[in-house]
PDB file of N, CA and C in Angstrom:
ATOM      1  N   MET A   1      82.440  90.366 129.407  1.00  0.00           N
ATOM      2  CA  MET A   1      81.928  91.546 128.795  1.00  0.00           C
ATOM      3  C   MET A   1      82.783  92.060 127.683  1.00  0.00           C
ATOM      4  N   ALA A   2      84.052  91.785 127.771  1.00  0.00           N
ATOM      5  CA  ALA A   2      84.964  92.349 126.766  1.00  0.00           C
ATOM      6  C   ALA A   2      84.403  91.646 125.347  1.00  0.00           C
ATOM      7  N   LYS A   3      84.052  90.287 125.151  1.00  0.00           N
ATOM      8  CA  LYS A   3      83.660  89.700 124.058  1.00  0.00           C
ATOM      9  C   LYS A   3      82.296  90.567 123.595  1.00  0.00           C
ATOM     10  N   TYR A   4      81.625  91.052 124.240  1.00  0.00           N
ATOM     11  CA  TYR A   4      80.534  91.782 123.804  1.00  0.00           C
ATOM     12  C   TYR A   4      80.565  93.015 123.297  1.00  0.00           C
ATOM     13  N   ILE A   5      81.792  93.661 123.541  1.00  0.00           N
ATOM     14  CA  ILE A   5      82.316  94.848 123.178  1.00  0.00           C
ATOM     15  C   ILE A   5      82.899  94.736 121.734  1.00  0.00           C
ATOM     16  N   VAL A   6      83.502  93.496 121.677  1.00  0.00           N
ATOM     17  CA  VAL A   6      84.057  93.325 120.273  1.00  0.00           C
ATOM     18  C   VAL A   6      83.048  92.971 119.235  1.00  0.00           C
ATOM     19  N   TYR A   7      81.842  92.166 119.661  1.00  0.00           N
ATOM     20  CA  TYR A   7      80.909  91.774 118.714  1.00  0.00           C
ATOM     21  C   TYR A   7      80.015  93.102 118.418  1.00  0.00           C
ATOM     22  N   ILE A   8      79.883  94.051 119.241  1.00  0.00           N
ATOM     23  CA  ILE A   8      79.125  95.332 119.023  1.00  0.00           C
ATOM     24  C   ILE A   8      79.970  96.298 118.208  1.00  0.00           C
ATOM     25  N   GLY A   9      81.322  96.105 118.439  1.00  0.00           N
ATOM     26  CA  GLY A   9      82.333  96.913 117.705  1.00  0.00           C
ATOM     27  C   GLY A   9      82.265  96.494 116.106  1.00  0.00           C
ATOM     28  N   MET A  10      82.205  95.133 116.065  1.00  0.00           N
ATOM     29  CA  MET A  10      82.100  94.717 114.723  1.00  0.00           C
ATOM     30  C   MET A  10      80.673  95.109 114.044  1.00  0.00           C
ATOM     31  N   ILE A  11      79.668  95.202 114.712  1.00  0.00           N
ATOM     32  CA  ILE A  11      78.361  95.374 114.244  1.00  0.00           C
ATOM     33  C   ILE A  11      78.395  97.045 113.815  1.00  0.00           C
ATOM     34  N   ILE A  12      79.049  97.626 114.636  1.00  0.00           N
ATOM     35  CA  ILE A  12      78.977  99.356 114.335  1.00  0.00           C
ATOM     36  C   ILE A  12      80.107  99.608 113.010  1.00  0.00           C
ATOM     37  N   LEU A  13      81.230  98.951 113.230  1.00  0.00           N
ATOM     38  CA  LEU A  13      82.125  99.214 112.119  1.00  0.00           C
ATOM     39  C   LEU A  13      81.540  98.706 110.779  1.00  0.00           C
ATOM     40  N   GLY A  14      80.749  97.588 110.600  1.00  0.00           N
ATOM     41  CA  GLY A  14      80.324  96.901 109.480  1.00  0.00           C
ATOM     42  C   GLY A  14      79.219  98.061 109.051  1.00  0.00           C
ATOM     43  N   GLY A  15      78.456  98.489 109.891  1.00  0.00           N
ATOM     44  CA  GLY A  15      77.397  99.455 109.512  1.00  0.00           C
ATOM     45  C   GLY A  15      78.124 100.633 109.104  1.00  0.00           C
ATOM     46  N   VAL A  16      79.148 101.271 109.617  1.00  0.00           N
ATOM     47  CA  VAL A  16      80.003 102.477 108.915  1.00  0.00           C
ATOM     48  C   VAL A  16      80.607 102.024 107.598  1.00  0.00           C
ATOM     49  N   LEU A  17      80.910 100.951 107.491  1.00  0.00           N
ATOM     50  CA  LEU A  17      81.489 100.697 105.958  1.00  0.00           C
ATOM     51  C   LEU A  17      80.421 100.458 104.940  1.00  0.00           C
ATOM     52  N   VAL A  18      79.113 100.019 105.401  1.00  0.00           N
ATOM     53  CA  VAL A  18      78.181  99.890 104.385  1.00  0.00           C
ATOM     54  C   VAL A  18      77.651 101.392 104.127  1.00  0.00           C
ATOM     55  N   PHE A  19      77.318 102.019 105.253  1.00  0.00           N
ATOM     56  CA  PHE A  19      76.953 103.741 105.178  1.00  0.00           C
ATOM     57  C   PHE A  19      77.689 104.365 104.232  1.00  0.00           C
ATOM     58  N   LEU A  20      79.019 104.192 104.332  1.00  0.00           N
ATOM     59  CA  LEU A  20      80.016 105.203 103.704  1.00  0.00           C
ATOM     60  C   LEU A  20      80.037 104.759 102.180  1.00  0.00           C
ATOM     61  N   ARG A  21      80.136 103.408 102.022  1.00  0.00           N
ATOM     62  CA  ARG A  21      80.382 103.048 100.603  1.00  0.00           C
ATOM     63  C   ARG A  21      79.105 103.294  99.720  1.00  0.00           C
ATOM     64  N   ALA A  22      77.894 103.063 100.316  1.00  0.00           N
ATOM     65  CA  ALA A  22      76.507 102.899  99.705  1.00  0.00           C
ATOM     66  C   ALA A  22      76.557 104.577  99.329  1.00  0.00           C
ATOM     67  N   GLY A  23      76.820 105.427 100.244  1.00  0.00           N
ATOM     68  CA  GLY A  23      76.751 106.851  99.796  1.00  0.00           C
ATOM     69  C   GLY A  23      77.696 107.224  98.667  1.00  0.00           C
ATOM     70  N   THR A  24      78.875 106.742  98.650  1.00  0.00           N
ATOM     71  CA  THR A  24      79.643 107.281  97.455  1.00  0.00           C
ATOM     72  C   THR A  24      79.094 106.411  96.309  1.00  0.00           C
ATOM     73  N   ILE A  25      78.562 105.363  96.358  1.00  0.00           N
ATOM     74  CA  ILE A  25      77.855 104.837  95.108  1.00  0.00           C
ATOM     75  C   ILE A  25      76.702 105.528  94.874  1.00  0.00           C
ATOM     76  N   ARG A  26      75.943 106.133  95.596  1.00  0.00           N
ATOM     77  CA  ARG A  26      74.726 106.963  95.442  1.00  0.00           C
ATOM     78  C   ARG A  26      75.190 108.143  94.776  1.00  0.00           C
ATOM     79  N   ARG A  27      76.099 108.720  95.180  1.00  0.00           N
ATOM     80  CA  ARG A  27      76.456 110.173  94.562  1.00  0.00           C
ATOM     81  C   ARG A  27      76.931 110.011  93.101  1.00  0.00           C
ATOM     82  N   CYS A  28      77.915 108.902  93.136  1.00  0.00           N
ATOM     83  CA  CYS A  28      78.776 108.895  91.913  1.00  0.00           C
ATOM     84  C   CYS A  28      77.816 108.503  90.855  1.00  0.00           C
ATOM     85  N   THR A  29      77.163 109.610  89.944  1.00  0.00           N
ATOM     86  CA  THR A  29      76.201 109.116  88.915  1.00  0.00           C
ATOM     87  C   THR A  29      76.715 109.372  87.588  1.00  0.00           C
ATOM     88  N   GLU A  30      77.788 110.262  87.327  1.00  0.00           N
ATOM     89  CA  GLU A  30      78.135 110.591  86.077  1.00  0.00           C
ATOM     90  C   GLU A  30      79.296 109.725  85.658  1.00  0.00           C
ATOM     91  N   GLU A  31      79.397 109.371  84.266  1.00  0.00           N
ATOM     92  CA  GLU A  31      80.275 108.367  83.750  1.00  0.00           C
ATOM     93  C   GLU A  31      81.385 109.082  82.957  1.00  0.00           C
ATOM     94  N   ALA A  32      82.449 108.595  82.827  1.00  0.00           N
ATOM     95  CA  ALA A  32      83.853 109.256  82.271  1.00  0.00           C
ATOM     96  C   ALA A  32      84.619 108.229  81.894  1.00  0.00           C
ATOM     97  N   THR A  33      85.503 108.369  81.055  1.00  0.00           N
ATOM     98  CA  THR A  33      86.712 107.313  80.591  1.00  0.00           C
ATOM     99  C   THR A  33      88.011 108.146  81.207  1.00  0.00           C
ATOM    100  N   ALA A  34      88.558 107.483  82.203  1.00  0.00           N
ATOM    101  CA  ALA A  34      89.791 107.951  82.727  1.00  0.00           C
ATOM    102  C   ALA A  34      91.031 107.288  81.928  1.00  0.00           C
ATOM    103  N   THR A  35      92.219 108.028  81.940  1.00  0.00           N
ATOM    104  CA  THR A  35      93.582 107.560  81.145  1.00  0.00           C
ATOM    105  C   THR A  35      94.630 107.461  82.440  1.00  0.00           C
ATOM    106  N   VAL A  36      95.162 106.225  82.492  1.00  0.00           N
ATOM    107  CA  VAL A  36      96.133 106.113  83.547  1.00  0.00           C
ATOM    108  C   VAL A  36      97.160 107.014  83.104  1.00  0.00           C
ATOM    109  N   VAL A  37      97.643 107.910  83.915  1.00  0.00           N
ATOM    110  CA  VAL A  37      98.841 108.937  83.454  1.00  0.00           C
ATOM    111  C   VAL A  37     100.067 108.678  84.454  1.00  0.00           C
ATOM    112  N   GLY A  38     100.018 107.514  85.270  1.00  0.00           N
ATOM    113  CA  GLY A  38     101.104 107.296  86.264  1.00  0.00           C
ATOM    114  C   GLY A  38     100.794 106.311  87.243  1.00  0.00           C
ATOM    115  N   VAL A  39     101.628 106.081  88.143  1.00  0.00           N
ATOM    116  CA  VAL A  39     101.489 104.997  89.064  1.00  0.00           C
ATOM    117  C   VAL A  39     102.166 105.357  90.422  1.00  0.00           C
ATOM    118  N   GLU A  40     101.329 105.289  91.454  1.00  0.00           N
ATOM    119  CA  GLU A  40     101.874 105.696  92.731  1.00  0.00           C
ATOM    120  C   GLU A  40     101.963 104.516  93.535  1.00  0.00           C
ATOM    121  N   ARG A  41     103.254 104.221  94.195  1.00  0.00           N
ATOM    122  CA  ARG A  41     103.653 103.328  95.027  1.00  0.00           C
ATOM    123  C   ARG A  41     103.460 103.435  96.422  1.00  0.00           C
ATOM    124  N   GLN A  42     102.910 102.965  97.118  1.00  0.00           N
ATOM    125  CA  GLN A  42     102.738 102.895  98.640  1.00  0.00           C
ATOM    126  C   GLN A  42     103.176 101.858  99.335  1.00  0.00           C
ATOM    127  N   THR A  43     104.149 101.931 100.356  1.00  0.00           N
ATOM    128  CA  THR A  43     104.855 100.680 100.881  1.00  0.00           C
ATOM    129  C   THR A  43     104.486 100.777 102.498  1.00  0.00           C
ATOM    130  N   HIS A  44     104.103  99.623 102.901  1.00  0.00           N
ATOM    131  CA  HIS A  44     103.605  99.428 104.333  1.00  0.00           C
ATOM    132  C   HIS A  44     104.646  98.390 104.945  1.00  0.00           C
ATOM    133  N   ARG A  45     104.560  98.477 105.910  1.00  0.00           N
ATOM    134  CA  ARG A  45     105.559  97.585 106.992  1.00  0.00           C
ATOM    135  C   ARG A  45     104.463  96.972 107.986  1.00  0.00           C
ATOM    136  N   SER A  46     104.782  95.490 108.050  1.00  0.00           N
ATOM    137  CA  SER A  46     103.849  94.775 108.918  1.00  0.00           C
ATOM    138  C   SER A  46     104.880  93.414 109.457  1.00  0.00           C
ATOM    139  N   ARG A  47     104.775  93.436 110.638  1.00  0.00           N
ATOM    140  CA  ARG A  47     105.554  92.199 111.293  1.00  0.00           C
ATOM    141  C   ARG A  47     106.816  92.169 110.753  1.00  0.00           C
ATOM    142  N   GLY A  48     107.696  93.041 110.365  1.00  0.00           N
ATOM    143  CA  GLY A  48     108.925  93.032 109.886  1.00  0.00           C
ATOM    144  C   GLY A  48     108.862  92.816 108.341  1.00  0.00           C
ATOM    145  N   HIS A  49     107.977  92.796 107.503  1.00  0.00           N
ATOM    146  CA  HIS A  49     107.793  92.784 106.388  1.00  0.00           C
ATOM    147  C   HIS A  49     107.321  93.819 105.610  1.00  0.00           C
ATOM    148  N   ARG A  50     107.936  94.077 104.460  1.00  0.00           N
ATOM    149  CA  ARG A  50     107.662  95.413 103.739  1.00  0.00           C
ATOM    150  C   ARG A  50     106.840  94.939 102.460  1.00  0.00           C
ATOM    151  N   THR A  51     105.627  95.576 102.264  1.00  0.00           N
ATOM    152  CA  THR A  51     105.019  95.377 100.842  1.00  0.00           C
ATOM    153  C   THR A  51     104.670  96.561 100.371  1.00  0.00           C
ATOM    154  N   SER A  52     104.359  96.352  99.153  1.00  0.00           N
ATOM    155  CA  SER A  52     104.190  97.713  98.308  1.00  0.00           C
ATOM    156  C   SER A  52     102.950  97.272  97.512  1.00  0.00           C
ATOM    157  N   GLU A  53     102.132  98.578  97.347  1.00  0.00           N
ATOM    158  CA  GLU A  53     100.704  98.474  96.551  1.00  0.00           C
ATOM    159  C   GLU A  53     100.893  99.494  95.364  1.00  0.00           C
ATOM    160  N   TYR A  54     100.413  99.283  94.359  1.00  0.00           N
ATOM    161  CA  TYR A  54     100.572 100.269  93.187  1.00  0.00           C
ATOM    162  C   TYR A  54      99.160 100.932  92.942  1.00  0.00           C
ATOM    163  N   HIS A  55      99.077 102.205  93.113  1.00  0.00           N
ATOM    164  CA  HIS A  55      97.617 102.813  92.503  1.00  0.00           C
ATOM    165  C   HIS A  55      97.801 103.458  91.253  1.00  0.00           C
ATOM    166  N   PRO A  56      96.972 103.224  90.272  1.00  0.00           N
ATOM    167  CA  PRO A  56      97.030 104.067  89.219  1.00  0.00           C
ATOM    168  C   PRO A  56      96.595 105.571  89.379  1.00  0.00           C
ATOM    169  N   ILE A  57      97.488 106.480  88.782  1.00  0.00           N
ATOM    170  CA  ILE A  57      96.998 107.848  88.803  1.00  0.00           C
ATOM    171  C   ILE A  57      96.317 108.173  87.559  1.00  0.00           C
ATOM    172  N   VAL A  58      95.086 108.612  87.649  1.00  0.00           N
ATOM    173  CA  VAL A  58      94.049 108.834  86.384  1.00  0.00           C
ATOM    174  C   VAL A  58      93.830 110.145  86.146  1.00  0.00           C
ATOM    175  N   GLU A  59      93.372 110.576  85.046  1.00  0.00           N
ATOM    176  CA  GLU A  59      93.007 111.694  84.623  1.00  0.00           C
ATOM    177  C   GLU A  59      91.742 111.667  83.745  1.00  0.00           C
ATOM    178  N   PHE A  60      90.563 112.488  84.006  1.00  0.00           N
ATOM    179  CA  PHE A  60      89.547 112.420  83.027  1.00  0.00           C
ATOM    180  C   PHE A  60      88.795 113.728  83.276  1.00  0.00           C
ATOM    181  N   ALA A  61      88.137 113.936  82.227  1.00  0.00           N
ATOM    182  CA  ALA A  61      87.076 115.354  82.147  1.00  0.00           C
ATOM    183  C   ALA A  61      85.911 115.205  82.839  1.00  0.00           C
ATOM    184  N   ALA A  62      85.663 116.117  83.826  1.00  0.00           N
ATOM    185  CA  ALA A  62      84.426 116.253  84.452  1.00  0.00           C
ATOM    186  C   ALA A  62      83.778 117.560  84.461  1.00  0.00           C
ATOM    187  N   LYS A  63      82.821 117.897  83.498  1.00  0.00           N
ATOM    188  CA  LYS A  63      82.226 119.074  83.599  1.00  0.00           C
ATOM    189  C   LYS A  63      83.206 120.042  82.976  1.00  0.00           C
ATOM    190  N   ASP A  64      83.379 121.137  84.164  1.00  0.00           N
ATOM    191  CA  ASP A  64      84.412 122.229  83.700  1.00  0.00           C
ATOM    192  C   ASP A  64      85.790 121.960  84.107  1.00  0.00           C
ATOM    193  N   MET A  65      86.145 120.777  84.512  1.00  0.00           N
ATOM    194  CA  MET A  65      87.355 120.599  84.951  1.00  0.00           C
ATOM    195  C   MET A  65      88.126 119.308  84.711  1.00  0.00           C
ATOM    196  N   THR A  66      89.466 119.137  84.888  1.00  0.00           N
ATOM    197  CA  THR A  66      90.111 117.997  84.555  1.00  0.00           C
ATOM    198  C   THR A  66      90.507 117.366  85.934  1.00  0.00           C
ATOM    199  N   VAL A  67      90.169 116.007  86.235  1.00  0.00           N
ATOM    200  CA  VAL A  67      90.560 115.548  87.503  1.00  0.00           C
ATOM    201  C   VAL A  67      91.909 114.592  87.135  1.00  0.00           C
ATOM    202  N   HIS A  68      92.626 114.772  88.332  1.00  0.00           N
ATOM    203  CA  HIS A  68      94.017 114.170  88.235  1.00  0.00           C
ATOM    204  C   HIS A  68      94.115 113.757  89.621  1.00  0.00           C
ATOM    205  N   LYS A  69      94.067 112.165  89.909  1.00  0.00           N
ATOM    206  CA  LYS A  69      94.158 111.693  91.198  1.00  0.00           C
ATOM    207  C   LYS A  69      94.450 110.233  91.168  1.00  0.00           C
ATOM    208  N   ALA A  70      94.871 109.825  92.142  1.00  0.00           N
ATOM    209  CA  ALA A  70      94.998 108.356  92.366  1.00  0.00           C
ATOM    210  C   ALA A  70      93.635 107.635  92.562  1.00  0.00           C
ATOM    211  N   ALA A  71      93.444 106.622  91.829  1.00  0.00           N
ATOM    212  CA  ALA A  71      92.249 105.849  91.975  1.00  0.00           C
ATOM    213  C   ALA A  71      92.155 105.000  93.390  1.00  0.00           C
ATOM    214  N   ASP A  72      91.157 104.503  93.699  1.00  0.00           N
ATOM    215  CA  ASP A  72      90.941 103.899  94.918  1.00  0.00           C
ATOM    216  C   ASP A  72      91.065 102.333  94.770  1.00  0.00           C
ATOM    217  N   ILE A  73      91.839 102.178  93.701  1.00  0.00           N
ATOM    218  CA  ILE A  73      92.235 100.641  93.600  1.00  0.00           C
ATOM    219  C   ILE A  73      93.833 100.337  93.616  1.00  0.00           C
ATOM    220  N   SER A  74      94.201  99.324  93.791  1.00  0.00           N
ATOM    221  CA  SER A  74      95.356  98.822  93.821  1.00  0.00           C
ATOM    222  C   SER A  74      95.728  97.543  93.508  1.00  0.00           C
ATOM    223  N   SER A  75      97.063  97.203  93.122  1.00  0.00           N
ATOM    224  CA  SER A  75      97.532  95.892  92.805  1.00  0.00           C
ATOM    225  C   SER A  75      98.971  95.781  93.440  1.00  0.00           C
ATOM    226  N   ILE A  76      99.423  94.586  93.779  1.00  0.00           N
ATOM    227  CA  ILE A  76     100.677  94.299  94.385  1.00  0.00           C
ATOM    228  C   ILE A  76     101.793  94.208  92.941  1.00  0.00           C
ATOM    229  N   PHE A  77     101.031  94.092  91.935  1.00  0.00           N
ATOM    230  CA  PHE A  77     101.998  94.142  90.849  1.00  0.00           C
ATOM    231  C   PHE A  77     102.194  95.499  90.218  1.00  0.00           C
ATOM    232  N   ARG A  78     103.451  95.830  89.982  1.00  0.00           N
ATOM    233  CA  ARG A  78     103.676  97.328  89.360  1.00  0.00           C
ATOM    234  C   ARG A  78     103.190  97.525  87.891  1.00  0.00           C
ATOM    235  N   GLY A  79     103.255  96.297  87.329  1.00  0.00           N
ATOM    236  CA  GLY A  79     102.810  96.559  85.597  1.00  0.00           C
ATOM    237  C   GLY A  79     101.284  96.396  85.176  1.00  0.00           C
ATOM    238  N   LYS A  80     100.586  96.227  86.564  1.00  0.00           N
ATOM    239  CA  LYS A  80      98.991  96.110  86.167  1.00  0.00           C
ATOM    240  C   LYS A  80      98.304  97.348  85.534  1.00  0.00           C
ATOM    241  N   TYR A  81      98.984  98.312  86.006  1.00  0.00           N
ATOM    242  CA  TYR A  81      98.155  99.625  85.516  1.00  0.00           C
ATOM    243  C   TYR A  81      99.339 100.344  84.647  1.00  0.00           C
ATOM    244  N   LYS A  82      99.031 100.215  83.270  1.00  0.00           N
ATOM    245  CA  LYS A  82     100.015 100.852  82.393  1.00  0.00           C
ATOM    246  C   LYS A  82      99.672 102.213  81.759  1.00  0.00           C
ATOM    247  N   GLU A  83     100.648 103.330  81.864  1.00  0.00           N
ATOM    248  CA  GLU A  83     100.271 104.318  81.330  1.00  0.00           C
ATOM    249  C   GLU A  83      99.716 104.439  79.993  1.00  0.00           C
ATOM    250  N   GLY A  84      98.509 105.188  79.847  1.00  0.00           N
ATOM    251  CA  GLY A  84      97.931 105.327  78.448  1.00  0.00           C
ATOM    252  C   GLY A  84      96.540 104.371  78.479  1.00  0.00           C
ATOM    253  N   ALA A  85      96.448 103.381  79.549  1.00  0.00           N
ATOM    254  CA  ALA A  85      95.328 102.495  79.448  1.00  0.00           C
ATOM    255  C   ALA A  85      94.048 103.296  80.012  1.00  0.00           C
ATOM    256  N   THR A  86      92.896 102.891  79.703  1.00  0.00           N
ATOM    257  CA  THR A  86      91.742 103.618  79.985  1.00  0.00           C
ATOM    258  C   THR A  86      90.982 102.618  81.071  1.00  0.00           C
ATOM    259  N   LEU A  87      90.143 103.454  82.108  1.00  0.00           N
ATOM    260  CA  LEU A  87      89.425 102.827  83.034  1.00  0.00           C
ATOM    261  C   LEU A  87      88.258 103.691  82.796  1.00  0.00           C
ATOM    262  N   ASN A  88      87.057 102.946  83.078  1.00  0.00           N
ATOM    263  CA  ASN A  88      85.497 103.652  83.163  1.00  0.00           C
ATOM    264  C   ASN A  88      85.409 103.969  84.442  1.00  0.00           C
ATOM    265  N   VAL A  89      85.197 105.182  84.863  1.00  0.00           N
ATOM    266  CA  VAL A  89      84.742 105.803  86.187  1.00  0.00           C
ATOM    267  C   VAL A  89      83.288 106.257  86.249  1.00  0.00           C
ATOM    268  N   ARG A  90      82.999 106.306  87.577  1.00  0.00           N
ATOM    269  CA  ARG A  90      81.772 106.900  87.935  1.00  0.00           C
ATOM    270  C   ARG A  90      82.074 108.051  88.812  1.00  0.00           C
ATOM    271  N   TYR A  91      81.682 109.297  88.550  1.00  0.00           N
ATOM    272  CA  TYR A  91      82.210 110.465  89.493  1.00  0.00           C
ATOM    273  C   TYR A  91      80.985 111.199  89.951  1.00  0.00           C
ATOM    274  N   ASN A  92      81.064 111.895  91.178  1.00  0.00           N
ATOM    275  CA  ASN A  92      80.231 112.684  91.902  1.00  0.00           C
ATOM    276  C   ASN A  92      80.154 114.050  90.885  1.00  0.00           C
ATOM    277  N   PRO A  93      78.967 114.333  90.436  1.00  0.00           N
ATOM    278  CA  PRO A  93      78.812 115.619  89.655  1.00  0.00           C
ATOM    279  C   PRO A  93      79.100 116.877  90.563  1.00  0.00           C
ATOM    280  N   GLU A  94      78.802 116.653  91.794  1.00  0.00           N
ATOM    281  CA  GLU A  94      79.139 117.835  92.669  1.00  0.00           C
ATOM    282  C   GLU A  94      80.446 118.128  92.997  1.00  0.00           C
ATOM    283  N   ASN A  95      81.087 116.903  93.223  1.00  0.00           N
ATOM    284  CA  ASN A  95      82.720 116.869  93.757  1.00  0.00           C
ATOM    285  C   ASN A  95      83.276 115.768  92.772  1.00  0.00           C
ATOM    286  N   PRO A  96      83.725 116.159  91.561  1.00  0.00           N
ATOM    287  CA  PRO A  96      84.265 115.233  90.677  1.00  0.00           C
ATOM    288  C   PRO A  96      85.444 114.422  91.179  1.00  0.00           C
ATOM    289  N   GLU A  97      86.225 114.874  92.070  1.00  0.00           N
ATOM    290  CA  GLU A  97      87.381 114.017  92.785  1.00  0.00           C
ATOM    291  C   GLU A  97      86.860 112.962  93.594  1.00  0.00           C
ATOM    292  N   GLU A  98      85.609 112.809  93.895  1.00  0.00           N
ATOM    293  CA  GLU A  98      84.913 111.466  94.432  1.00  0.00           C
ATOM    294  C   GLU A  98      84.654 110.889  93.130  1.00  0.00           C
ATOM    295  N   PHE A  99      85.297 109.543  92.984  1.00  0.00           N
ATOM    296  CA  PHE A  99      85.013 108.832  91.843  1.00  0.00           C
ATOM    297  C   PHE A  99      85.130 107.259  92.293  1.00  0.00           C
ATOM    298  N   LEU A 100      84.731 106.421  91.527  1.00  0.00           N
ATOM    299  CA  LEU A 100      84.668 105.068  91.559  1.00  0.00           C
ATOM    300  C   LEU A 100      85.159 104.415  90.202  1.00  0.00           C
ATOM    301  N   VAL A 101      86.142 103.412  90.125  1.00  0.00           N
ATOM    302  CA  VAL A 101      86.503 102.836  89.041  1.00  0.00           C
ATOM    303  C   VAL A 101      85.356 101.679  88.548  1.00  0.00           C
ATOM    304  N   LYS A 102      84.591 101.923  87.754  1.00  0.00           N
ATOM    305  CA  LYS A 102      83.559 100.709  87.276  1.00  0.00           C
ATOM    306  C   LYS A 102      83.831  99.492  87.528  1.00  0.00           C
ATOM    307  N   GLY A 103      83.292  98.540  87.995  1.00  0.00           N
ATOM    308  CA  GLY A 103      83.630  97.254  87.902  1.00  0.00           C
ATOM    309  C   GLY A 103      84.835  96.604  88.877  1.00  0.00           C
ATOM    310  N   LYS A 104      85.447  97.645  89.433  1.00  0.00           N
ATOM    311  CA  LYS A 104      86.702  97.284  90.251  1.00  0.00           C
ATOM    312  C   LYS A 104      86.200  97.618  91.956  1.00  0.00           C
ATOM    313  N   PHE A 105      85.798  96.640  92.415  1.00  0.00           N
ATOM    314  CA  PHE A 105      85.726  96.401  93.861  1.00  0.00           C
ATOM    315  C   PHE A 105      84.778  97.449  94.417  1.00  0.00           C
ATOM    316  N   VAL A 106      83.818  97.901  93.707  1.00  0.00           N
ATOM    317  CA  VAL A 106      82.794  98.977  94.044  1.00  0.00           C
ATOM    318  C   VAL A 106      81.925  98.483  95.273  1.00  0.00           C
ATOM    319  N   TRP A 107      81.579  97.328  95.208  1.00  0.00           N
ATOM    320  CA  TRP A 107      80.740  96.622  96.177  1.00  0.00           C
ATOM    321  C   TRP A 107      81.673  96.002  97.471  1.00  0.00           C
ATOM    322  N   THR A 108      82.912  96.019  97.303  1.00  0.00           N
ATOM    323  CA  THR A 108      83.544  95.584  98.400  1.00  0.00           C
ATOM    324  C   THR A 108      83.279  96.052  99.824  1.00  0.00           C
ATOM    325  N   GLY A 109      83.103  97.280 100.196  1.00  0.00           N
ATOM    326  CA  GLY A 109      82.700  97.953 101.128  1.00  0.00           C
ATOM    327  C   GLY A 109      81.391  97.507 101.762  1.00  0.00           C
ATOM    328  N   ILE A 110      80.371  97.105 100.988  1.00  0.00           N
ATOM    329  CA  ILE A 110      79.274  96.879 101.304  1.00  0.00           C
ATOM    330  C   ILE A 110      79.337  95.403 101.722  1.00  0.00           C
ATOM    331  N   ILE A 111      79.823  94.490 100.940  1.00  0.00           N
ATOM    332  CA  ILE A 111      79.994  93.144 101.107  1.00  0.00           C
ATOM    333  C   ILE A 111      80.740  92.902 102.492  1.00  0.00           C
ATOM    334  N   GLY A 112      81.890  93.595 102.506  1.00  0.00           N
ATOM    335  CA  GLY A 112      82.639  93.359 103.800  1.00  0.00           C
ATOM    336  C   GLY A 112      82.047  93.980 105.225  1.00  0.00           C
ATOM    337  N   GLY A 113      81.459  95.106 105.015  1.00  0.00           N
ATOM    338  CA  GLY A 113      80.576  95.712 106.040  1.00  0.00           C
ATOM    339  C   GLY A 113      79.626  94.706 106.559  1.00  0.00           C
ATOM    340  N   SER A 114      78.748  94.225 105.350  1.00  0.00           N
ATOM    341  CA  SER A 114      77.556  93.396 105.820  1.00  0.00           C
ATOM    342  C   SER A 114      78.084  92.011 106.440  1.00  0.00           C
ATOM    343  N   ALA A 115      79.190  91.542 105.837  1.00  0.00           N
ATOM    344  CA  ALA A 115      79.815  90.322 106.757  1.00  0.00           C
ATOM    345  C   ALA A 115      80.061  90.640 108.082  1.00  0.00           C
ATOM    346  N   LEU A 116      80.689  91.834 108.309  1.00  0.00           N
ATOM    347  CA  LEU A 116      81.095  92.104 109.792  1.00  0.00           C
ATOM    348  C   LEU A 116      79.712  92.327 110.741  1.00  0.00           C
ATOM    349  N   ILE A 117      78.857  92.896 109.960  1.00  0.00           N
ATOM    350  CA  ILE A 117      77.580  92.937 110.804  1.00  0.00           C
ATOM    351  C   ILE A 117      76.672  91.554 111.139  1.00  0.00           C
ATOM    352  N   LEU A 118      76.812  90.723 110.168  1.00  0.00           N
ATOM    353  CA  LEU A 118      76.472  89.374 110.321  1.00  0.00           C
ATOM    354  C   LEU A 118      77.167  88.675 111.401  1.00  0.00           C
ATOM    355  N   LEU A 119      78.613  88.715 111.185  1.00  0.00           N
ATOM    356  CA  LEU A 119      79.465  88.025 112.054  1.00  0.00           C
ATOM    357  C   LEU A 119      79.297  88.414 113.515  1.00  0.00           C
ATOM    358  N   GLY A 120      79.275  89.814 113.573  1.00  0.00           N
ATOM    359  CA  GLY A 120      79.120  90.371 114.889  1.00  0.00           C
ATOM    360  C   GLY A 120      77.816  90.113 115.687  1.00  0.00           C
ATOM    361  N   ALA A 121      76.733  90.095 114.915  1.00  0.00           N
ATOM    362  CA  ALA A 121      75.473  89.522 115.354  1.00  0.00           C
ATOM    363  C   ALA A 121      75.251  88.242 115.801  1.00  0.00           C
ATOM    364  N   LEU A 122      75.880  87.281 114.885  1.00  0.00           N
ATOM    365  CA  LEU A 122      76.066  85.939 115.277  1.00  0.00           C
ATOM    366  C   LEU A 122      76.802  85.625 116.440  1.00  0.00           C
ATOM    367  N   GLY A 123      78.086  86.328 116.656  1.00  0.00           N
ATOM    368  CA  GLY A 123      78.892  86.203 117.966  1.00  0.00           C
ATOM    369  C   GLY A 123      78.235  86.872 118.965  1.00  0.00           C
ATOM    370  N   LEU A 124      77.525  87.769 118.892  1.00  0.00           N
ATOM    371  CA  LEU A 124      76.646  88.597 120.183  1.00  0.00           C
ATOM    372  C   LEU A 124      75.594  87.454 120.548  1.00  0.00           C
ATOM    373  N   PHE A 125      74.834  86.855 119.353  1.00  0.00           N
ATOM    374  CA  PHE A 125      73.843  86.066 119.696  1.00  0.00           C
ATOM    375  C   PHE A 125      74.310  84.740 120.674  1.00  0.00           C
ATOM    376  N   LEU A 126      75.380  84.118 120.037  1.00  0.00           N
ATOM    377  CA  LEU A 126      75.878  82.970 120.780  1.00  0.00           C
ATOM    378  C   LEU A 126      76.526  83.317 122.134  1.00  0.00           C
ATOM    379  N   ALA A 127      76.991  84.526 122.196  1.00  0.00           N
ATOM    380  CA  ALA A 127      77.584  84.851 123.461  1.00  0.00           C
ATOM    381  C   ALA A 127      76.579  85.017 124.540  1.00  0.00           C
ATOM    382  N   LEU A 128      75.325  85.425 123.948  1.00  0.00           N
ATOM    383  CA  LEU A 128      74.254  85.823 125.029  1.00  0.00           C
ATOM    384  C   LEU A 128      73.687  84.583 125.469  1.00  0.00           C
ATOM    385  N   LYS A 129      73.634  83.556 124.655  1.00  0.00           N
ATOM    386  CA  LYS A 129      72.883  82.337 124.727  1.00  0.00           C
ATOM    387  C   LYS A 129      73.222  81.638 126.026  1.00  0.00           C
TER     388      LYS A 129
END
């Protein structure tokens, strides 16, 4: 019984990932050029190891406002995002703080979610066989 719950959970989680990422992609229709104005470090601990990720802080003009926010991309290398560099973004005209960096893992949530759905469905199929 427990394995069925795991497979069903994979299918549900995959569906949620696909739904959320597809919605963001659909809403982010306006384009802008963002400038990297800083880098934010996030440190994580897992199994006694500490790792850091670096997120670029970007700034871009959107309608009547300037957005200043960490982008939803990261690197384990501090120097990857240099201040003054530019990134192409797509933002939600209704909520400019919701944005995607073009060409950078935009489809990751959809691909990962789809993979979870397929693996969960396959596991459930084989478990029921």
